[in-house]
Protein backbone atom coordinates (compact mmCIF):
# COMPACT_ATOMS: atom_id res chain seq x y z
CA MET A 1 -31.91 31.13 -53.84
CA SER A 2 -32.23 29.05 -50.72
CA LYS A 3 -31.57 30.48 -47.31
CA ARG A 4 -28.22 29.58 -45.60
CA ILE A 5 -28.48 28.26 -42.06
CA LEU A 6 -25.50 27.90 -39.82
CA VAL A 7 -26.18 24.91 -37.51
CA VAL A 8 -24.02 24.26 -34.46
CA ASP A 9 -24.41 21.31 -32.11
CA ASP A 10 -21.72 19.26 -30.34
CA ASP A 11 -23.86 16.11 -30.50
CA SER A 12 -23.11 14.54 -33.83
CA HIS A 13 -26.42 12.67 -34.00
CA VAL A 14 -28.49 15.77 -33.32
CA LEU A 15 -26.34 17.75 -35.78
CA LYS A 16 -26.86 15.15 -38.53
CA TYR A 17 -30.66 15.12 -37.88
CA LEU A 18 -30.92 18.88 -37.98
CA VAL A 19 -28.85 19.15 -41.20
CA GLU A 20 -30.91 16.37 -42.92
CA ALA A 21 -34.23 17.92 -41.89
CA LEU A 22 -33.30 21.50 -42.90
CA SER A 23 -31.72 20.29 -46.13
CA ALA A 24 -34.83 18.27 -46.97
CA ALA A 25 -36.84 21.42 -46.33
CA GLY A 26 -34.85 23.20 -49.00
CA TYR A 27 -32.36 25.14 -46.79
CA ASP A 28 -28.69 25.40 -47.56
CA THR A 29 -27.05 24.24 -44.28
CA VAL A 30 -23.52 24.64 -43.01
CA ALA A 31 -22.83 22.63 -39.88
CA PHE A 32 -20.14 22.57 -37.15
CA ASP A 33 -19.84 20.58 -33.99
CA HIS A 34 -17.28 22.89 -32.40
CA TYR A 35 -17.63 26.48 -31.22
CA GLU A 36 -14.23 27.61 -32.60
CA GLU A 37 -14.97 26.37 -36.14
CA ALA A 38 -18.51 27.94 -36.12
CA ARG A 39 -17.13 31.23 -34.85
CA LEU A 40 -14.53 31.35 -37.66
CA HIS A 41 -17.26 30.55 -40.24
CA LEU A 42 -19.51 33.20 -38.77
CA ALA A 43 -16.71 35.74 -38.88
CA ALA A 44 -16.28 35.05 -42.59
CA GLY A 45 -19.85 35.79 -43.55
CA ARG A 46 -23.42 36.38 -42.42
CA PRO A 47 -25.78 33.39 -42.49
CA ASP A 48 -29.44 33.89 -43.01
CA LEU A 49 -30.08 32.18 -39.63
CA LEU A 50 -27.94 30.83 -36.80
CA LEU A 51 -29.31 27.73 -35.13
CA THR A 52 -27.15 26.72 -32.13
CA ASP A 53 -27.23 24.45 -29.14
CA VAL A 54 -26.45 26.01 -25.78
CA ARG A 55 -23.86 23.48 -24.70
CA LEU A 56 -20.87 23.39 -27.05
CA GLY A 57 -18.22 21.55 -25.09
CA PRO A 58 -16.28 24.08 -22.94
CA PHE A 59 -18.16 26.99 -24.62
CA ASN A 60 -21.71 28.21 -24.40
CA GLY A 61 -23.76 28.72 -27.46
CA LEU A 62 -24.88 32.10 -26.13
CA GLN A 63 -21.28 33.22 -26.63
CA LEU A 64 -21.78 32.42 -30.34
CA VAL A 65 -25.09 34.32 -30.31
CA LEU A 66 -23.38 37.37 -28.77
CA PHE A 67 -20.65 37.25 -31.35
CA ALA A 68 -23.28 37.00 -34.17
CA ARG A 69 -25.12 39.97 -32.67
CA GLU A 70 -21.96 42.08 -32.51
CA LYS A 71 -20.97 41.28 -36.08
CA TYR A 72 -24.47 41.08 -37.73
CA HIS A 73 -26.93 42.78 -35.40
CA ASP A 74 -30.01 41.59 -37.27
CA VAL A 75 -29.19 37.93 -37.98
CA PRO A 76 -32.11 35.68 -36.80
CA VAL A 77 -31.05 33.26 -34.11
CA ILE A 78 -32.63 30.18 -32.64
CA VAL A 79 -31.08 28.58 -29.57
CA LEU A 80 -31.80 24.93 -28.83
CA THR A 81 -31.22 23.23 -25.45
CA GLY A 82 -31.98 20.04 -23.84
CA TYR A 83 -32.53 21.77 -20.47
CA GLU A 84 -35.16 24.34 -19.44
CA ASP A 85 -33.13 27.00 -17.60
CA PRO A 86 -34.85 30.36 -16.88
CA THR A 87 -31.48 32.16 -16.71
CA LEU A 88 -30.36 30.87 -20.12
CA ARG A 89 -33.78 31.62 -21.54
CA ALA A 90 -33.62 35.19 -20.33
CA GLU A 91 -30.05 35.65 -21.70
CA ALA A 92 -31.10 34.25 -25.09
CA VAL A 93 -34.09 36.55 -25.26
CA LYS A 94 -31.98 39.51 -24.12
CA PHE A 95 -29.71 38.80 -27.18
CA GLY A 96 -32.82 38.61 -29.44
CA ALA A 97 -32.76 34.82 -29.93
CA GLU A 98 -35.68 32.40 -29.83
CA PHE A 99 -35.12 29.73 -27.09
CA ILE A 100 -36.45 26.24 -27.81
CA VAL A 101 -36.21 23.25 -25.38
CA LYS A 102 -35.47 19.90 -26.97
CA PRO A 103 -37.04 17.60 -27.94
CA VAL A 104 -38.95 19.70 -30.47
CA ARG A 105 -41.20 18.27 -33.16
CA LEU A 106 -39.72 18.58 -36.59
CA GLU A 107 -42.73 20.43 -37.98
CA GLU A 108 -42.63 22.95 -35.15
CA LEU A 109 -38.86 23.53 -35.67
CA LEU A 110 -39.40 24.08 -39.41
CA GLN A 111 -42.24 26.41 -38.66
CA ARG A 112 -40.06 28.43 -36.29
CA VAL A 113 -37.19 28.47 -38.82
CA ALA A 114 -39.49 29.69 -41.53
CA PHE A 115 -40.87 32.43 -39.25
CA ALA A 116 -37.42 33.53 -38.23
CA LEU A 117 -36.43 33.77 -41.91
CA GLY A 118 -39.44 35.93 -42.67
CA GLY A 119 -41.41 33.12 -44.40
CA GLY A 120 -43.92 32.62 -41.63
CA LYS A 121 -47.62 33.15 -42.11
CA GLY A 122 -47.83 36.41 -40.22
CA THR A 123 -47.94 35.00 -36.67
CA GLN A 124 -45.16 33.61 -34.53
CA PRO A 125 -45.56 29.92 -33.58
CA ASP A 126 -46.67 29.28 -30.03
CA GLN A 127 -43.93 29.57 -27.60
CA GLN A 128 -42.91 26.36 -25.71
CA GLN A 129 -43.48 26.57 -21.98
């Protein structure tokens, strides 16, 4: 059974790219471009991984991370952002999420997803600086 990944990004081009890449890698993806829809979906059931952008219109992806942590304390989370921000990075890490700055190479993203889902090769991929 393939792992189910909830993908959230308000940029339709990025969302489509992520869904296509993850689907091609064998993951079952559910995608949303709005915070509210993603939150409702998350409330209805636990994904195997939450992959979210930080900026989601008037909302912050970290709000979604916090909701996921409150509902499913152990769900793996990867936060993507186009901006290196030490405060956002610290908040993401505080909530137990991995913080990745875009652009990220596809093979690196897939490696981080596999690791977060427990399919890594025993070591965490190098952290981006």
